[in-house]
Amino acid sequence: MRVAVIVVSWNTVELLGACLRAYDAQHHPDLEVVVIDNASDDGSAELLDRACSEDRRHALRVVHAGSNRGFAGAVNDALRVVDAPVVVLSNVDVVPAPDLVSTALATLLADDRRGTVAPKLLRTVRAPGGQDVIDSAGHELTTARLVRNRGEGEIDQGDYDQPGPVFGASGALVMHRRAMLEDIAWRDAAPGQILTEDLFAFFEDVELDWRARLLGWEAWYEPRAVARHQRGGAGPRRTPQVEALNWANRLLVITTCDHRPALLRAAPLVLATTLLKSGELVLTVPRAVPAGLGRLVRGLPAANRRRGELLARATDTPARVVRRWVVAFRAGRWVSGWWRRVTGRAVGVER
C-alpha cells in the first residue's frame, strides 16, 4: 500500500539532511516523501533542490510555498497533491527507525476504524546516564484541558511498551488513514481544510485528535514503531508568536470540541492554569500576552462555527469522549516540568 510522508520545513536546514536520509532508508517499498518548504530563507530550498537531483530509494517531491503557511496550512497544501491512502505527518526534527513506516502501517491496517497510529517518540538527547528519554507515547487529555505527551521527559524503562488506544498522537510524527482525514475534514466552517488553518501551528494536532474521537475513529499507540525527536529547549522556542499561539490555541480548541457542562465543572482548574501561564508570560515573554488575547478574540467566532458543524456531524457525544479520555491533572508534575524547562534542566532537551 502506498504511503506518503509529508515533512513540513521552515528554516531548519541543519536538520533536513538527517530527516531525509531516514525516510529514504525506510523498509516499506511503496513510499513517497513530500517536503513542504514554508518559504525558508536559510538555504533549505537549495538543499532540497539538490536532494531531488540525487539517486534515491524513494521518490522525493518538494513544494516551495510562497509564504509561511504554518504547519496546518502546509499539511493541507501537501494533502491536495498526494493521493496515497495512508499519510505520515512529520516535523523535520524527527529521525525515524528504518522499520517505522512498515510497523505503523501494519498496526493501522489491523482495524478498519483505526484512523491514527502514534509511534513511540524518544528524544534525540539522552539522559546524563545514557538512557533513552521518552518524548511522547501518545496524547492524553487532562481535567485542566492541558494535553500532555504520555511519558514526556521520563527515562524509558519499559513503562510505555504496551500498545493500545490513546486519545491522540503528537503532530511531530503521526500516521493517519486518508479516509479518516477526509471524513473529519471541515465542510462548511472551513471548507476543504483537514488541519484547521486558523490555528496555524500548535494544538492543531490536538484538535484533530478530538475531532476524530467525536467522529468515531480510533487512535492507537504502537511502541514498536520508534523515532527520535529533537525536542527544543525553552529558550529558542519562546518567541512571542510561539507563546501566543500556544496560549490562544488551547482555548480555541476547547471552545470547538469540549463538552461544556464538563468544562464548567473543570473551570477552576482551567482558569488557574490559564492565569498561571499568563502570569509567567508577563514575566518572561510579555509581548505574547496581548498577542495571544488578540488571537483568542479574533478566533472565537470561527471556533464556534466549527463547533456547530462538528456537533452536527459527530457520531459520539462530547460527554462520552470526555468521560472516556480525560485523566486527572497532576499539578505538581506540571509545575516541576515547567520549572525544569525554563531553567534549562529538562532531561533529553537541547540546551
Protein backbone atom coordinates (compact mmCIF):
# COMPACT_ATOMS: atom_id res chain seq x y z
CA MET A 1 0.00 0.00 0.00
CA ARG A 2 1.28 3.42 -0.96
CA VAL A 3 2.29 5.74 1.88
CA ALA A 4 3.11 9.44 1.57
CA VAL A 5 5.34 11.08 4.16
CA ILE A 6 4.65 14.81 4.49
CA VAL A 7 7.52 16.76 6.04
CA VAL A 8 6.97 20.42 6.94
CA SER A 9 10.12 22.53 6.85
CA TRP A 10 10.79 26.13 7.82
CA ASN A 11 14.31 27.46 8.30
CA THR A 12 15.69 24.16 9.56
CA VAL A 13 18.44 23.47 7.05
CA GLU A 14 20.63 21.89 9.74
CA LEU A 15 18.01 19.16 10.33
CA LEU A 16 16.85 18.41 6.80
CA GLY A 17 19.67 16.08 5.78
CA ALA A 18 19.21 13.59 8.63
CA CYS A 19 15.43 13.64 8.26
CA LEU A 20 15.51 12.98 4.51
CA ARG A 21 18.10 10.22 4.84
CA ALA A 22 16.00 8.47 7.49
CA TYR A 23 12.88 8.50 5.33
CA ASP A 24 14.82 7.37 2.27
CA ALA A 25 16.07 4.39 4.34
CA GLN A 26 12.54 3.19 5.17
CA HIS A 27 11.93 -0.52 4.51
CA HIS A 28 8.40 -0.02 3.21
CA PRO A 29 8.70 -0.35 -0.57
CA ASP A 30 5.90 1.93 -1.80
CA LEU A 31 6.77 5.28 -0.27
CA GLU A 32 6.82 8.89 -1.42
CA VAL A 33 8.32 11.75 0.58
CA VAL A 34 6.79 15.20 0.08
CA VAL A 35 8.50 18.19 1.67
CA ILE A 36 6.60 21.45 2.02
CA ASP A 37 9.08 24.28 2.49
CA ASN A 38 7.40 27.29 4.11
CA ALA A 39 9.41 29.98 2.29
CA SER A 40 12.64 29.26 4.17
CA ASP A 41 15.49 31.73 3.70
CA ASP A 42 18.30 29.75 5.35
CA GLY A 43 19.42 27.58 2.42
CA SER A 44 16.72 24.91 2.90
CA ALA A 45 15.31 25.44 -0.59
CA GLU A 46 18.70 24.90 -2.20
CA LEU A 47 19.39 21.78 -0.14
CA LEU A 48 16.01 20.35 -1.12
CA ASP A 49 16.56 21.05 -4.79
CA ARG A 50 19.91 19.25 -4.63
CA ALA A 51 18.30 16.31 -2.83
CA CYS A 52 15.74 15.94 -5.62
CA SER A 53 18.54 15.51 -8.17
CA GLU A 54 20.26 12.72 -6.22
CA ASP A 55 19.69 8.99 -6.59
CA ARG A 56 17.14 7.97 -4.00
CA ARG A 57 15.41 4.78 -2.91
CA HIS A 58 12.06 6.54 -2.53
CA ALA A 59 10.55 9.32 -4.60
CA LEU A 60 11.09 12.83 -3.23
CA ARG A 61 8.88 15.74 -4.16
CA VAL A 62 9.39 19.32 -2.93
CA VAL A 63 6.73 22.02 -2.84
CA HIS A 64 8.04 25.55 -2.30
CA ALA A 65 5.35 27.59 -0.58
CA GLY A 66 5.21 31.27 -1.41
CA SER A 67 4.85 32.19 2.27
CA ASN A 68 4.96 30.61 5.71
CA ARG A 69 1.70 28.67 5.79
CA GLY A 70 2.31 27.26 9.26
CA PHE A 71 2.13 23.55 9.98
CA ALA A 72 -1.62 23.36 9.32
CA GLY A 73 -1.59 25.19 6.00
CA ALA A 74 1.48 23.32 4.77
CA VAL A 75 -0.05 19.92 5.54
CA ASN A 76 -3.30 20.89 3.81
CA ASP A 77 -1.34 22.02 0.75
CA ALA A 78 0.52 18.70 0.67
CA LEU A 79 -2.65 16.65 1.04
CA ARG A 80 -4.04 18.32 -2.08
CA VAL A 81 -1.16 16.99 -4.18
CA VAL A 82 -0.79 13.43 -2.80
CA ASP A 83 -3.22 10.59 -3.34
CA ALA A 84 -1.82 7.89 -1.05
CA PRO A 85 -4.37 6.10 1.17
CA VAL A 86 -2.05 6.47 4.17
CA VAL A 87 -0.04 9.55 5.16
CA VAL A 88 2.66 10.23 7.72
CA LEU A 89 2.91 13.79 9.04
CA SER A 90 6.38 14.68 10.24
CA ASN A 91 8.36 17.53 11.70
CA VAL A 92 11.78 17.98 10.20
CA ASP A 93 13.47 17.37 13.58
CA VAL A 94 12.34 13.72 13.59
CA VAL A 95 14.53 10.76 12.62
CA PRO A 96 12.51 7.51 12.31
CA ALA A 97 13.88 4.00 12.61
CA PRO A 98 14.01 2.21 9.21
CA ASP A 99 11.01 0.00 10.01
CA LEU A 100 8.79 2.78 11.40
CA VAL A 101 6.53 3.13 8.36
CA SER A 102 6.08 -0.61 7.82
CA THR A 103 5.43 -1.27 11.52
CA ALA A 104 2.96 1.58 11.91
CA LEU A 105 1.19 0.63 8.68
CA ALA A 106 0.59 -2.95 9.85
CA THR A 107 -0.86 -1.55 13.07
CA LEU A 108 -3.10 0.89 11.22
CA LEU A 109 -4.49 -1.74 8.87
CA ALA A 110 -5.30 -4.17 11.69
CA ASP A 111 -8.64 -2.42 12.32
CA ASP A 112 -10.86 -0.57 9.85
CA ARG A 113 -11.81 2.09 12.43
CA ARG A 114 -8.22 2.72 13.39
CA GLY A 115 -7.50 6.11 11.85
CA THR A 116 -4.29 7.09 13.63
CA VAL A 117 -1.12 5.41 14.83
CA ALA A 118 1.03 7.15 17.43
CA PRO A 119 4.62 5.88 17.40
CA LYS A 120 6.97 5.83 20.36
CA LEU A 121 8.99 9.03 20.20
CA LEU A 122 12.31 9.13 22.02
CA ARG A 123 14.30 12.31 22.47
CA THR A 124 17.45 12.70 20.43
CA VAL A 125 19.39 13.80 23.51
CA ARG A 126 19.80 11.02 26.03
CA ALA A 127 19.74 11.30 29.82
CA PRO A 128 23.05 12.02 31.59
CA GLY A 129 23.40 8.30 32.29
CA GLY A 130 22.94 7.43 28.60
CA GLN A 131 19.37 6.16 28.93
CA ASP A 132 16.66 6.86 26.37
CA VAL A 133 14.17 9.56 27.31
CA ILE A 134 10.51 9.39 26.26
CA ASP A 135 9.28 12.33 24.21
CA SER A 136 5.76 11.05 23.51
CA ALA A 137 3.84 7.83 23.87
CA GLY A 138 0.66 9.43 22.56
CA HIS A 139 -1.50 12.28 23.79
CA GLU A 140 -3.57 12.35 26.95
CA LEU A 141 -6.21 14.96 27.79
CA THR A 142 -6.29 16.18 31.40
CA THR A 143 -9.03 17.64 33.56
CA ALA A 144 -7.28 21.03 33.28
CA ARG A 145 -7.64 20.71 29.49
CA LEU A 146 -3.89 20.66 29.16
CA VAL A 147 -2.80 17.96 26.74
CA ARG A 148 0.42 16.23 27.65
CA ASN A 149 2.56 13.67 25.90
CA ARG A 150 2.39 10.43 27.85
CA GLY A 151 5.74 9.68 29.42
CA GLU A 152 7.19 13.05 28.44
CA GLY A 153 10.64 13.55 29.95
CA GLU A 154 10.70 10.14 31.67
CA ILE A 155 13.53 7.64 31.38
CA ASP A 156 12.41 4.81 29.10
CA GLN A 157 12.19 1.83 31.45
CA GLY A 158 9.57 -0.16 29.57
CA ASP A 159 6.57 1.55 31.16
CA TYR A 160 5.26 2.51 27.71
CA ASP A 161 5.95 -0.74 25.87
CA GLN A 162 2.32 -1.88 25.69
CA PRO A 163 0.30 -0.96 22.57
CA GLY A 164 -3.23 0.28 22.99
CA PRO A 165 -5.77 3.03 22.36
CA VAL A 166 -4.84 6.63 23.18
CA PHE A 167 -6.58 9.97 22.96
CA GLY A 168 -4.31 11.00 20.11
CA ALA A 169 -0.81 11.45 18.75
CA SER A 170 1.85 14.13 18.74
CA GLY A 171 1.91 16.06 15.47
CA ALA A 172 5.71 15.74 15.49
CA LEU A 173 5.25 12.31 13.90
CA VAL A 174 1.97 10.51 13.27
CA MET A 175 0.44 8.14 10.74
CA HIS A 176 -3.14 8.73 9.56
CA ARG A 177 -5.54 6.84 7.35
CA ARG A 178 -6.54 9.15 4.49
CA ALA A 179 -10.18 8.02 4.73
CA MET A 180 -10.28 9.31 8.30
CA LEU A 181 -8.78 12.65 7.31
CA GLU A 182 -11.33 13.08 4.55
CA ASP A 183 -14.14 12.08 6.90
CA ILE A 184 -13.24 14.64 9.57
CA ALA A 185 -12.31 17.45 7.16
CA TRP A 186 -14.25 20.69 7.58
CA ARG A 187 -17.04 21.07 5.03
CA ASP A 188 -18.80 24.34 5.86
CA ALA A 189 -16.93 26.10 8.68
CA ALA A 190 -13.55 25.89 6.90
CA PRO A 191 -14.21 24.16 3.56
CA GLY A 192 -11.57 21.69 2.45
CA GLN A 193 -9.35 22.09 5.50
CA ILE A 194 -8.20 18.93 7.28
CA LEU A 195 -5.93 20.68 9.75
CA THR A 196 -7.51 23.92 10.93
CA GLU A 197 -5.55 26.77 9.39
CA ASP A 198 -6.83 29.34 11.89
CA LEU A 199 -4.64 27.54 14.43
CA PHE A 200 -1.57 27.91 12.15
CA ALA A 201 0.66 25.78 14.40
CA PHE A 202 0.43 24.26 17.90
CA PHE A 203 -2.67 22.44 19.13
CA GLU A 204 -3.78 21.71 15.56
CA ASP A 205 -2.86 18.08 16.29
CA VAL A 206 -4.94 18.10 19.49
CA GLU A 207 -7.96 19.43 17.64
CA LEU A 208 -7.53 16.71 15.03
CA ASP A 209 -7.38 14.11 17.83
CA TRP A 210 -10.59 15.42 19.36
CA ARG A 211 -12.50 15.68 16.08
CA ALA A 212 -11.55 12.13 15.16
CA ARG A 213 -12.71 10.79 18.53
CA LEU A 214 -16.04 12.62 18.14
CA LEU A 215 -16.47 11.10 14.70
CA GLY A 216 -15.83 7.57 15.90
CA TRP A 217 -12.24 6.93 14.75
CA GLU A 218 -9.64 5.25 16.96
CA ALA A 219 -6.05 6.28 17.70
CA TRP A 220 -3.62 3.51 18.62
CA TYR A 221 -0.21 3.69 20.27
CA GLU A 222 2.39 1.36 18.74
CA PRO A 223 5.64 1.18 20.76
CA ARG A 224 7.41 -0.97 18.14
CA ALA A 225 7.32 2.00 15.75
CA VAL A 226 10.14 4.18 17.05
CA ALA A 227 11.61 7.54 16.09
CA ARG A 228 13.79 10.16 17.72
CA HIS A 229 12.59 13.74 18.15
CA GLN A 230 14.87 16.68 18.86
CA ARG A 231 12.75 18.46 21.44
CA GLY A 232 13.81 22.11 21.51
CA GLY A 233 14.72 23.92 24.70
CA ALA A 234 12.74 26.73 26.27
CA GLY A 235 15.00 29.48 25.02
CA PRO A 236 14.87 29.19 21.21
CA ARG A 237 11.15 28.37 21.12
CA ARG A 238 9.90 31.05 23.49
CA THR A 239 9.18 33.72 20.92
CA PRO A 240 6.11 35.95 21.30
CA GLN A 241 4.49 34.31 18.28
CA VAL A 242 5.02 30.75 19.54
CA GLU A 243 3.80 31.54 23.04
CA ALA A 244 0.78 33.49 21.75
CA LEU A 245 -0.19 30.57 19.52
CA ASN A 246 0.15 28.05 22.34
CA TRP A 247 -1.82 30.20 24.80
CA ALA A 248 -4.69 31.07 22.46
CA ASN A 249 -4.97 27.80 20.54
CA ARG A 250 -5.53 25.72 23.67
CA LEU A 251 -8.61 27.83 24.47
CA LEU A 252 -9.84 27.83 20.87
CA VAL A 253 -9.65 24.02 20.69
CA ILE A 254 -11.58 23.72 23.95
CA THR A 255 -14.22 26.07 22.50
CA THR A 256 -14.59 23.91 19.41
CA CYS A 257 -14.52 20.42 20.87
CA ASP A 258 -15.21 20.23 24.60
CA HIS A 259 -18.31 19.13 26.48
CA ARG A 260 -19.43 22.39 28.02
CA PRO A 261 -21.06 21.04 31.21
CA ALA A 262 -17.87 19.07 31.92
CA LEU A 263 -15.79 22.11 31.06
CA LEU A 264 -17.83 24.18 33.52
CA ARG A 265 -17.05 21.66 36.26
CA ALA A 266 -13.36 21.84 35.31
CA ALA A 267 -13.43 25.65 35.11
CA PRO A 268 -11.44 26.27 38.34
CA LEU A 269 -8.55 24.14 37.06
CA VAL A 270 -8.71 25.60 33.54
CA LEU A 271 -8.82 29.13 34.94
CA ALA A 272 -6.00 28.51 37.41
CA THR A 273 -3.65 27.02 34.82
CA THR A 274 -4.51 29.76 32.32
CA LEU A 275 -3.83 32.51 34.87
CA LEU A 276 -0.59 30.89 35.99
CA LYS A 277 0.59 30.58 32.40
CA SER A 278 -0.47 34.17 31.68
CA GLY A 279 1.44 35.43 34.71
CA GLU A 280 4.55 33.52 33.67
CA LEU A 281 4.35 35.02 30.18
CA VAL A 282 4.00 38.55 31.61
CA LEU A 283 7.35 37.98 33.32
CA THR A 284 9.19 36.07 30.58
CA VAL A 285 7.66 36.87 27.16
CA PRO A 286 5.40 39.88 27.85
CA ARG A 287 4.56 40.61 24.21
CA ALA A 288 2.93 37.17 23.94
CA VAL A 289 0.08 38.16 26.26
CA PRO A 290 -1.61 40.87 24.15
CA ALA A 291 -0.83 38.88 21.01
CA GLY A 292 -2.46 35.78 22.50
CA LEU A 293 -5.51 37.72 23.67
CA GLY A 294 -5.88 39.21 20.21
CA ARG A 295 -5.70 35.79 18.58
CA LEU A 296 -8.27 34.43 21.01
CA VAL A 297 -10.77 37.23 20.47
CA ARG A 298 -10.40 37.12 16.69
CA GLY A 299 -10.60 33.32 16.62
CA LEU A 300 -13.62 32.69 18.86
CA PRO A 301 -16.37 33.30 16.25
CA ALA A 302 -14.77 30.84 13.80
CA ALA A 303 -14.15 28.32 16.60
CA ASN A 304 -17.85 28.43 17.48
CA ARG A 305 -18.82 27.93 13.83
CA ARG A 306 -16.56 24.90 13.67
CA ARG A 307 -18.16 23.62 16.86
CA GLY A 308 -21.61 23.84 15.31
CA GLU A 309 -20.54 21.79 12.30
CA LEU A 310 -18.64 19.27 14.42
CA LEU A 311 -21.55 18.59 16.77
CA ALA A 312 -23.96 18.28 13.86
CA ARG A 313 -21.78 15.55 12.31
CA ALA A 314 -20.45 13.80 15.43
CA THR A 315 -21.19 10.09 15.86
CA ASP A 316 -20.20 10.21 19.53
CA THR A 317 -21.16 12.81 22.11
CA PRO A 318 -18.71 15.30 23.67
CA ALA A 319 -19.77 13.98 27.09
CA ARG A 320 -18.77 10.40 26.26
CA VAL A 321 -15.48 11.47 24.72
CA VAL A 322 -14.59 13.45 27.84
CA ARG A 323 -15.60 10.56 30.13
CA ARG A 324 -13.55 8.11 28.07
CA TRP A 325 -10.37 10.12 27.68
CA VAL A 326 -9.91 12.77 30.37
CA VAL A 327 -7.36 11.87 33.05
CA ALA A 328 -6.58 13.62 36.32
CA PHE A 329 -4.40 16.71 36.09
CA ARG A 330 -1.24 16.44 38.19
CA ALA A 331 -0.39 19.97 39.23
CA GLY A 332 2.93 19.04 40.84
CA ARG A 333 4.17 17.32 37.70
CA TRP A 334 3.06 20.28 35.57
CA VAL A 335 4.84 22.85 37.74
CA SER A 336 8.03 20.80 38.09
CA GLY A 337 8.12 20.12 34.35
CA TRP A 338 7.67 23.80 33.60
CA TRP A 339 10.44 24.72 36.05
CA ARG A 340 12.88 22.23 34.52
CA ARG A 341 12.15 23.64 31.05
CA VAL A 342 12.57 27.31 31.90
CA THR A 343 15.74 26.63 33.90
CA GLY A 344 17.26 24.50 31.12
CA ARG A 345 17.30 21.29 33.16
CA ALA A 346 14.70 19.23 31.28
CA VAL A 347 16.00 15.72 30.59
CA GLY A 348 16.67 14.97 26.95
CA VAL A 349 16.15 18.55 25.74
CA GLU A 350 18.55 20.59 23.64
CA ARG A 351 20.13 23.38 25.69
